[in-house]
Amino acid sequence: MRILFVSPFLPYPPIAGGHALIWSWIRRLSQRHQTAFVGFCERESDAAGAQEIARYCEPTRVRLRKPTPHAYTSFAQLPRWVTEFYCDELARDVGEVAIHFRPEVVQFLSSNMAQYNRFTRSAPTVMTALELSFLAYHRRIAAARGLERLQARLDWLRMLRFETRAFRRAGHVVTVSEREAKVVSAVAPLARVTAIPPGVDPEQLAWRPRHPVSGRVLYLGHMEHFPNLDGLIFLYTDIWPRVRHAYPSARLVVAGQGTREQLARVAPRTLDAMQHDASVEIAGFIPDLRAAMDAVGAMAAPLRLGSGVRNKVIEAMAAGVPVVTTTRGAEGLSVAHDRELLIGDGAESFAAQLVRVLGDRDLQKRLSAAGRDLVAREHDNDRLAARLEDALAEASGVRV
């Protein structure tokens, strides 16, 4: 097949869950098919990432995404998340690549990129929903008040209309969980839908000894994704004081690109408190994440917003790290509380589960083994890429 990927971001380096998922797909599909890539980057310094993608995709065209030049109003027809990812130059790139590369299928790597469908010269399309954005928007409504709540409801309705239309027009829809596949089928009954969860490479499942430091907790997240930032603020302000009261030697390591920058923008007082707290280490981006995971007794993922499957939870389980998360953080995974991980909703419950696992080495070992077994069964990237290949072939009509 000739496959054209259209992406809202550069998946290399794979610094976040969505990046890692897409990077895995590109590397594997390019071994058996001709692939091309058109997408945005966020910074001029991302040029090295574009060069790496070009090793697998020919042609590769990348545009620097710039702020929306026009004001966004409550009367806009399209969601802000859509309008901020449109530019004439990228539309021209999609059209030119469609002419010369002649793709047999186009995979939009996020639903907001469906707006470029009209430039693909009627090639069959596959829509990728890394998360169901209209669900994520709907969850913001309950947290808002007054006029902000009205605005949140309008944003949700815009996203619901846009995303539903995109799913109905696509030749195939890829979601990251069976649960979200059912939601897509409910709003787009005629759509063909395949669930392909995030996974890990086989080498990540190779057993290696862990040497956790007693009381050491990891928080991991790409902080430009607001649900990760919200989870960190919730952890530090509401959960961490309870953990420290019950387990005074507990230490928190915060790993993820943009931590200081995003906290300074959204919660400067929280950043200041964390920087002066001896129990907290803001590590930022960590190149060798597996080594960091080997040194912690647990990973905390107190996520309250967003949707989709959390790749960080899968990666932690693959590394044998006991995970404490919320019901929302465990969405889309075949897990159960006290079997593969621990679930706590609300600050008091979450803190209790985190203290529990930190103080129980036998529980750590049991969760570690069960989590690794689950990832090996259901989240092997080689098998998942084959499932995507089948979906692309079905949409294109090409036999593979």
Protein backbone atom coordinates (compact mmCIF):
# COMPACT_ATOMS: atom_id res chain seq x y z
CA MET A 1 0.00 0.00 0.00
CA ARG A 2 0.90 3.64 -0.38
CA ILE A 3 -0.02 5.25 2.95
CA LEU A 4 -0.07 8.99 3.64
CA PHE A 5 0.03 10.03 7.30
CA VAL A 6 -1.37 13.48 8.17
CA SER A 7 -0.44 14.49 11.71
CA PRO A 8 -0.97 17.44 14.10
CA PHE A 9 2.51 16.91 15.58
CA LEU A 10 5.87 15.27 14.95
CA PRO A 11 5.85 11.83 16.57
CA TYR A 12 9.64 11.87 16.89
CA PRO A 13 11.06 12.10 19.45
CA PRO A 14 8.36 9.99 21.15
CA ILE A 15 8.08 12.20 24.24
CA ALA A 16 4.40 11.52 24.95
CA GLY A 17 1.97 8.63 24.70
CA GLY A 18 0.44 9.66 21.38
CA HIS A 19 3.88 10.31 19.92
CA ALA A 20 5.11 6.85 20.94
CA LEU A 21 2.03 5.13 19.52
CA ILE A 22 2.28 6.83 16.13
CA TRP A 23 6.04 6.43 15.94
CA SER A 24 5.62 2.70 16.46
CA TRP A 25 3.07 2.54 13.64
CA ILE A 26 5.23 4.51 11.19
CA ARG A 27 8.34 2.41 11.83
CA ARG A 28 6.52 -0.88 11.38
CA LEU A 29 4.28 0.00 8.43
CA SER A 30 7.16 1.54 6.49
CA GLN A 31 8.89 -1.85 6.46
CA ARG A 32 6.18 -3.35 4.24
CA HIS A 33 4.59 -0.35 2.54
CA GLN A 34 5.42 2.99 0.90
CA THR A 35 4.72 5.76 3.38
CA ALA A 36 4.57 9.55 3.26
CA PHE A 37 4.15 12.10 6.06
CA VAL A 38 2.67 15.60 6.22
CA GLY A 39 2.31 17.35 9.55
CA PHE A 40 3.03 20.16 11.96
CA CYS A 41 5.90 20.81 14.32
CA GLU A 42 5.74 23.17 17.29
CA ARG A 43 9.29 24.56 17.26
CA GLU A 44 12.03 25.36 14.78
CA SER A 45 14.28 23.07 16.80
CA ASP A 46 12.13 20.08 15.81
CA ALA A 47 13.93 19.83 12.45
CA ALA A 48 15.94 16.83 13.69
CA GLY A 49 12.70 14.98 14.31
CA ALA A 50 11.59 15.65 10.75
CA GLN A 51 14.85 14.20 9.46
CA GLU A 52 14.29 11.03 11.46
CA ILE A 53 10.75 10.66 10.10
CA ALA A 54 12.11 11.15 6.56
CA ARG A 55 14.15 7.96 7.01
CA TYR A 56 10.85 6.08 6.96
CA CYS A 57 8.52 8.33 4.97
CA GLU A 58 9.24 9.69 1.50
CA PRO A 59 8.12 12.36 0.99
CA THR A 60 8.07 14.06 4.41
CA ARG A 61 6.76 17.61 4.67
CA VAL A 62 6.62 19.52 7.95
CA ARG A 63 5.27 22.99 8.71
CA LEU A 64 5.81 25.07 11.83
CA ARG A 65 2.44 25.54 13.49
CA LYS A 66 1.78 29.19 14.28
CA PRO A 67 -0.88 30.80 16.51
CA THR A 68 -4.25 31.32 14.89
CA PRO A 69 -4.08 34.72 13.15
CA HIS A 70 -7.72 35.56 13.80
CA ALA A 71 -9.64 36.03 17.03
CA TYR A 72 -11.71 33.10 18.26
CA THR A 73 -15.27 33.92 19.34
CA SER A 74 -18.18 32.09 20.92
CA PHE A 75 -19.96 32.27 17.56
CA ALA A 76 -17.33 30.22 15.73
CA GLN A 77 -18.64 27.18 13.86
CA LEU A 78 -15.57 25.00 14.40
CA PRO A 79 -13.87 24.12 17.70
CA ARG A 80 -10.73 26.08 18.58
CA TRP A 81 -8.80 22.78 18.62
CA VAL A 82 -9.65 22.45 14.92
CA THR A 83 -9.07 26.01 13.73
CA GLU A 84 -5.71 26.22 15.49
CA PHE A 85 -4.48 23.31 13.37
CA TYR A 86 -5.33 24.73 9.97
CA CYS A 87 -3.00 26.59 7.66
CA ASP A 88 -3.02 27.10 3.89
CA GLU A 89 0.59 25.93 3.54
CA LEU A 90 -0.12 22.54 5.11
CA ALA A 91 -3.26 22.19 3.00
CA ARG A 92 -1.12 22.82 -0.09
CA ASP A 93 1.39 20.21 1.10
CA VAL A 94 -1.36 17.62 1.55
CA GLY A 95 -2.70 18.36 -1.92
CA GLU A 96 0.69 18.21 -3.63
CA VAL A 97 1.68 14.98 -1.91
CA ALA A 98 -1.69 13.49 -2.82
CA ILE A 99 -1.04 14.34 -6.48
CA HIS A 100 2.50 13.00 -6.73
CA PHE A 101 2.52 10.21 -4.13
CA ARG A 102 -0.96 8.96 -5.10
CA PRO A 103 -1.84 7.42 -1.70
CA GLU A 104 -4.08 4.39 -1.66
CA VAL A 105 -5.16 5.34 1.86
CA VAL A 106 -4.74 8.46 4.02
CA GLN A 107 -4.52 8.07 7.79
CA PHE A 108 -5.40 11.20 9.73
CA LEU A 109 -3.53 10.76 13.00
CA SER A 110 -5.96 12.89 15.00
CA SER A 111 -9.58 13.80 14.39
CA ASN A 112 -8.83 17.53 14.12
CA MET A 113 -6.82 16.81 10.95
CA ALA A 114 -9.98 15.59 9.20
CA GLN A 115 -10.38 19.18 7.94
CA TYR A 116 -7.69 18.36 5.34
CA ASN A 117 -9.76 15.56 3.82
CA ARG A 118 -10.87 17.74 0.91
CA PHE A 119 -7.26 18.06 -0.27
CA THR A 120 -6.56 14.30 -0.54
CA ARG A 121 -8.11 13.84 -4.01
CA SER A 122 -10.80 11.42 -2.77
CA ALA A 123 -8.35 8.85 -1.43
CA PRO A 124 -9.88 6.46 1.13
CA THR A 125 -9.33 7.67 4.69
CA VAL A 126 -8.75 6.21 8.13
CA MET A 127 -9.52 8.46 11.10
CA THR A 128 -7.47 7.99 14.25
CA ALA A 129 -9.00 9.01 17.59
CA LEU A 130 -6.15 9.09 20.11
CA GLU A 131 -8.92 10.26 22.41
CA LEU A 132 -12.57 11.07 21.82
CA SER A 133 -12.27 14.80 22.11
CA PHE A 134 -15.98 15.42 22.51
CA LEU A 135 -15.90 13.21 25.62
CA ALA A 136 -12.94 15.14 27.00
CA TYR A 137 -14.76 18.43 26.31
CA HIS A 138 -17.92 17.16 27.98
CA ARG A 139 -15.98 16.33 31.15
CA ARG A 140 -14.85 19.94 31.41
CA ILE A 141 -18.43 21.15 31.81
CA ALA A 142 -18.87 19.79 35.35
CA ALA A 143 -15.67 21.51 36.50
CA ALA A 144 -16.69 24.93 35.13
CA ARG A 145 -18.91 27.56 36.76
CA GLY A 146 -21.10 30.43 35.56
CA LEU A 147 -20.30 31.77 32.10
CA GLU A 148 -17.33 29.43 31.83
CA ARG A 149 -19.74 26.52 32.11
CA LEU A 150 -21.84 27.91 29.26
CA GLN A 151 -18.71 28.33 27.17
CA ALA A 152 -17.63 24.78 27.99
CA ARG A 153 -21.00 23.47 26.85
CA LEU A 154 -20.75 25.39 23.56
CA ASP A 155 -17.24 24.04 23.02
CA TRP A 156 -18.50 20.51 23.64
CA LEU A 157 -21.37 20.88 21.15
CA ARG A 158 -19.00 22.20 18.48
CA MET A 159 -16.59 19.32 19.04
CA LEU A 160 -19.38 16.74 19.10
CA ARG A 161 -20.69 17.96 15.75
CA PHE A 162 -17.26 18.16 14.11
CA GLU A 163 -15.96 14.82 15.37
CA THR A 164 -19.19 12.94 14.64
CA ARG A 165 -19.14 14.18 11.04
CA ALA A 166 -15.49 13.18 10.70
CA PHE A 167 -16.21 9.65 11.91
CA ARG A 168 -19.19 9.27 9.58
CA ARG A 169 -17.19 10.38 6.53
CA ALA A 170 -14.13 8.21 7.20
CA GLY A 171 -13.62 4.89 5.50
CA HIS A 172 -12.48 3.44 8.82
CA VAL A 173 -12.07 4.73 12.38
CA VAL A 174 -9.30 3.63 14.76
CA THR A 175 -9.81 4.11 18.50
CA VAL A 176 -7.49 3.22 21.37
CA SER A 177 -9.96 1.05 23.30
CA GLU A 178 -12.98 -1.18 22.80
CA ARG A 179 -14.95 1.16 25.05
CA GLU A 180 -14.32 4.14 22.77
CA ALA A 181 -14.99 1.98 19.70
CA LYS A 182 -18.50 1.41 21.06
CA VAL A 183 -18.98 5.14 21.57
CA VAL A 184 -17.95 5.84 17.96
CA SER A 185 -20.35 3.15 16.74
CA ALA A 186 -23.14 4.83 18.70
CA VAL A 187 -22.61 8.27 17.10
CA ALA A 188 -21.60 6.91 13.66
CA PRO A 189 -23.50 3.61 13.28
CA LEU A 190 -22.28 2.90 9.74
CA ALA A 191 -18.59 3.48 10.48
CA ARG A 192 -16.16 0.57 10.47
CA VAL A 193 -14.26 0.80 13.75
CA THR A 194 -11.15 -0.99 15.02
CA ALA A 195 -9.72 -0.66 18.53
CA ILE A 196 -5.91 -0.56 18.64
CA PRO A 197 -4.58 0.30 22.11
CA PRO A 198 -1.13 1.73 22.81
CA GLY A 199 1.57 -0.86 23.21
CA VAL A 200 5.21 -1.42 23.96
CA ASP A 201 8.06 -2.89 21.95
CA PRO A 202 9.03 -6.49 22.77
CA GLU A 203 12.36 -5.40 24.24
CA GLN A 204 10.51 -3.31 26.84
CA LEU A 205 9.00 -6.52 28.18
CA ALA A 206 12.36 -8.20 28.67
CA TRP A 207 12.74 -8.91 32.39
CA ARG A 208 15.34 -6.93 34.29
CA PRO A 209 15.89 -6.57 38.03
CA ARG A 210 14.37 -3.54 39.71
CA HIS A 211 15.96 -1.75 42.65
CA PRO A 212 13.24 0.57 43.96
CA VAL A 213 14.17 3.17 46.53
CA SER A 214 11.88 2.91 49.52
CA GLY A 215 9.12 5.53 49.41
CA ARG A 216 10.07 6.85 45.97
CA VAL A 217 7.09 7.78 43.73
CA LEU A 218 7.10 8.72 40.04
CA TYR A 219 4.72 11.11 38.31
CA LEU A 220 5.08 11.02 34.53
CA GLY A 221 3.45 13.16 31.86
CA HIS A 222 3.96 15.46 28.89
CA MET A 223 2.82 18.66 30.59
CA GLU A 224 1.69 20.47 27.45
CA HIS A 225 -1.26 18.04 27.56
CA PHE A 226 -3.45 19.75 30.17
CA PRO A 227 -4.91 16.58 31.80
CA ASN A 228 -1.35 15.63 32.78
CA LEU A 229 -0.71 19.07 34.27
CA ASP A 230 -4.03 18.97 36.12
CA GLY A 231 -3.13 15.54 37.51
CA LEU A 232 0.20 16.84 38.79
CA ILE A 233 -1.38 19.84 40.52
CA PHE A 234 -4.02 17.58 42.09
CA LEU A 235 -1.31 15.17 43.25
CA TYR A 236 0.86 17.80 44.87
CA THR A 237 -1.78 20.05 46.44
CA ASP A 238 -4.39 17.51 47.60
CA ILE A 239 -2.81 14.04 47.70
CA TRP A 240 0.86 14.53 48.57
CA PRO A 241 0.30 16.16 52.00
CA ARG A 242 -1.76 13.10 53.04
CA VAL A 243 0.94 10.73 51.75
CA ARG A 244 3.68 12.60 53.59
CA HIS A 245 1.67 12.60 56.81
CA ALA A 246 1.30 8.81 56.71
CA TYR A 247 4.68 8.06 55.11
CA PRO A 248 7.11 10.87 56.03
CA SER A 249 10.01 9.45 54.02
CA ALA A 250 8.05 9.49 50.74
CA ARG A 251 9.75 11.27 47.85
CA LEU A 252 8.16 12.40 44.57
CA VAL A 253 9.96 12.48 41.20
CA VAL A 254 8.17 14.49 38.50
CA ALA A 255 9.24 13.52 34.99
CA GLY A 256 7.95 15.09 31.80
CA GLN A 257 8.80 17.73 29.25
CA GLY A 258 7.64 21.26 30.00
CA THR A 259 6.92 20.76 33.70
CA ARG A 260 8.37 24.03 34.97
CA GLU A 261 7.19 26.06 31.99
CA GLN A 262 3.59 24.87 32.19
CA LEU A 263 3.38 25.17 35.97
CA ALA A 264 4.78 28.71 35.74
CA ARG A 265 2.03 29.55 33.26
CA VAL A 266 -0.91 27.89 35.03
CA ALA A 267 0.02 27.51 38.72
CA PRO A 268 3.09 29.59 39.65
CA ARG A 269 2.47 29.24 43.39
CA THR A 270 2.41 25.46 43.08
CA LEU A 271 5.67 25.57 41.14
CA ASP A 272 7.29 27.74 43.81
CA ALA A 273 6.13 25.40 46.57
CA MET A 274 7.41 22.32 44.72
CA GLN A 275 10.79 23.91 44.05
CA HIS A 276 11.22 24.60 47.79
CA ASP A 277 9.92 21.20 48.90
CA ALA A 278 12.70 18.77 49.80
CA SER A 279 10.38 15.83 49.17
CA VAL A 280 9.95 16.73 45.48
CA GLU A 281 12.35 16.48 42.55
CA ILE A 282 11.27 18.13 39.28
CA ALA A 283 13.35 16.05 36.88
CA GLY A 284 11.82 17.32 33.62
CA PHE A 285 12.48 15.26 30.51
CA ILE A 286 14.32 12.01 31.32
CA PRO A 287 16.02 10.31 28.34
CA ASP A 288 16.37 6.93 30.10
CA LEU A 289 12.88 6.54 31.49
CA ARG A 290 13.27 2.81 32.16
CA ALA A 291 16.15 3.48 34.58
CA ALA A 292 13.97 6.01 36.41
CA MET A 293 11.14 3.47 36.63
CA ASP A 294 13.49 0.83 38.03
CA ALA A 295 14.24 3.11 40.98
CA VAL A 296 10.69 3.85 42.18
CA GLY A 297 8.31 1.92 44.39
CA ALA A 298 5.20 3.12 42.55
CA MET A 299 3.89 5.41 39.84
CA ALA A 300 1.08 7.83 40.69
CA ALA A 301 -1.37 8.75 37.91
CA PRO A 302 -4.24 10.68 39.56
CA LEU A 303 -5.88 11.72 36.28
CA ARG A 304 -9.21 13.54 36.35
CA LEU A 305 -9.58 14.93 32.81
CA GLY A 306 -9.25 13.78 29.22
CA SER A 307 -10.14 10.47 27.62
CA GLY A 308 -8.40 7.63 25.85
CA VAL A 309 -5.97 5.01 27.10
CA ARG A 310 -3.03 6.30 29.15
CA ASN A 311 0.19 5.08 27.60
CA LYS A 312 2.13 5.98 30.76
CA VAL A 313 0.16 3.35 32.68
CA ILE A 314 0.98 0.68 30.10
CA GLU A 315 4.68 1.61 30.04
CA ALA A 316 4.88 1.51 33.82
CA MET A 317 3.23 -1.92 33.99
CA ALA A 318 5.57 -3.19 31.27
CA ALA A 319 8.52 -2.05 33.40
CA GLY A 320 7.10 -3.81 36.45
CA VAL A 321 6.23 -0.59 38.30
CA PRO A 322 3.16 -0.80 40.57
CA VAL A 323 0.62 1.80 39.45
CA VAL A 324 -1.89 3.79 41.48
CA THR A 325 -4.41 5.61 39.31
CA THR A 326 -8.03 6.75 39.13
CA THR A 327 -11.01 5.13 37.45
CA ARG A 328 -10.49 7.58 34.60
CA GLY A 329 -6.77 6.78 34.43
CA ALA A 330 -7.59 3.09 34.02
CA GLU A 331 -10.17 3.65 31.28
CA GLY A 332 -9.94 1.33 28.30
CA LEU A 333 -7.58 -1.14 30.02
CA SER A 334 -8.45 -4.72 30.98
CA VAL A 335 -7.46 -4.09 34.58
CA ALA A 336 -9.07 -4.49 37.97
CA HIS A 337 -8.37 -2.82 41.28
CA ASP A 338 -5.96 -4.84 43.42
CA ARG A 339 -5.16 -7.17 40.50
CA GLU A 340 -2.96 -5.31 37.99
CA LEU A 341 -2.99 -1.92 39.72
CA LEU A 342 -4.64 0.08 42.49
CA ILE A 343 -7.46 2.58 41.94
CA GLY A 344 -8.33 5.50 44.18
CA ASP A 345 -10.81 8.23 43.30
CA GLY A 346 -10.57 11.39 45.37
CA ALA A 347 -7.57 12.69 47.28
CA GLU A 348 -8.11 10.66 50.46
CA SER A 349 -8.70 7.35 48.68
CA PHE A 350 -5.81 7.87 46.27
CA ALA A 351 -3.39 8.77 49.07
CA ALA A 352 -4.45 5.69 51.04
CA GLN A 353 -3.74 3.39 48.09
CA LEU A 354 -0.38 5.03 47.44
CA VAL A 355 0.68 4.69 51.09
CA ARG A 356 -0.53 1.10 51.07
CA VAL A 357 1.63 0.04 48.13
CA LEU A 358 4.70 1.94 49.32
CA GLY A 359 4.64 0.04 52.60
CA ASP A 360 4.01 -3.45 51.21
CA ARG A 361 6.78 -5.12 49.18
CA ASP A 362 4.70 -8.26 48.63
CA LEU A 363 1.91 -6.16 47.11
CA GLN A 364 4.46 -4.40 44.91
CA LYS A 365 5.72 -7.74 43.59
CA ARG A 366 2.20 -9.06 42.96
CA LEU A 367 1.08 -5.97 41.05
CA SER A 368 4.36 -5.90 39.12
CA ALA A 369 3.94 -9.48 37.86
CA ALA A 370 0.24 -9.07 37.00
CA GLY A 371 0.81 -5.80 35.16
CA ARG A 372 3.64 -7.23 33.07
CA ASP A 373 1.52 -10.26 32.15
CA LEU A 374 -1.34 -8.04 31.00
CA VAL A 375 0.91 -5.90 28.80
CA ALA A 376 2.50 -8.99 27.23
CA ARG A 377 -0.96 -10.38 26.37
CA GLU A 378 -2.68 -7.26 25.06
CA HIS A 379 -0.17 -4.52 24.28
CA ASP A 380 2.55 -5.97 22.06
CA ASN A 381 3.36 -3.41 19.36
CA ASP A 382 4.10 -6.00 16.69
CA ARG A 383 0.64 -7.56 16.96
CA LEU A 384 -1.05 -4.16 17.25
CA ALA A 385 0.65 -2.83 14.10
CA ALA A 386 -0.65 -5.87 12.20
CA ARG A 387 -4.16 -4.96 13.34
CA LEU A 388 -3.69 -1.41 12.01
CA GLU A 389 -2.36 -2.78 8.73
CA ASP A 390 -5.58 -4.80 8.33
CA ALA A 391 -7.72 -1.70 8.97
CA LEU A 392 -5.78 0.35 6.40
CA ALA A 393 -6.03 -2.46 3.84
CA GLU A 394 -9.77 -2.77 4.38
CA ALA A 395 -10.26 0.96 3.91
CA SER A 396 -8.08 1.08 0.79
CA GLY A 397 -9.34 -2.12 -0.80
CA VAL A 398 -5.75 -3.26 -1.35
CA ARG A 399 -4.86 -6.86 -0.51
CA VAL A 400 -1.79 -7.30 1.69
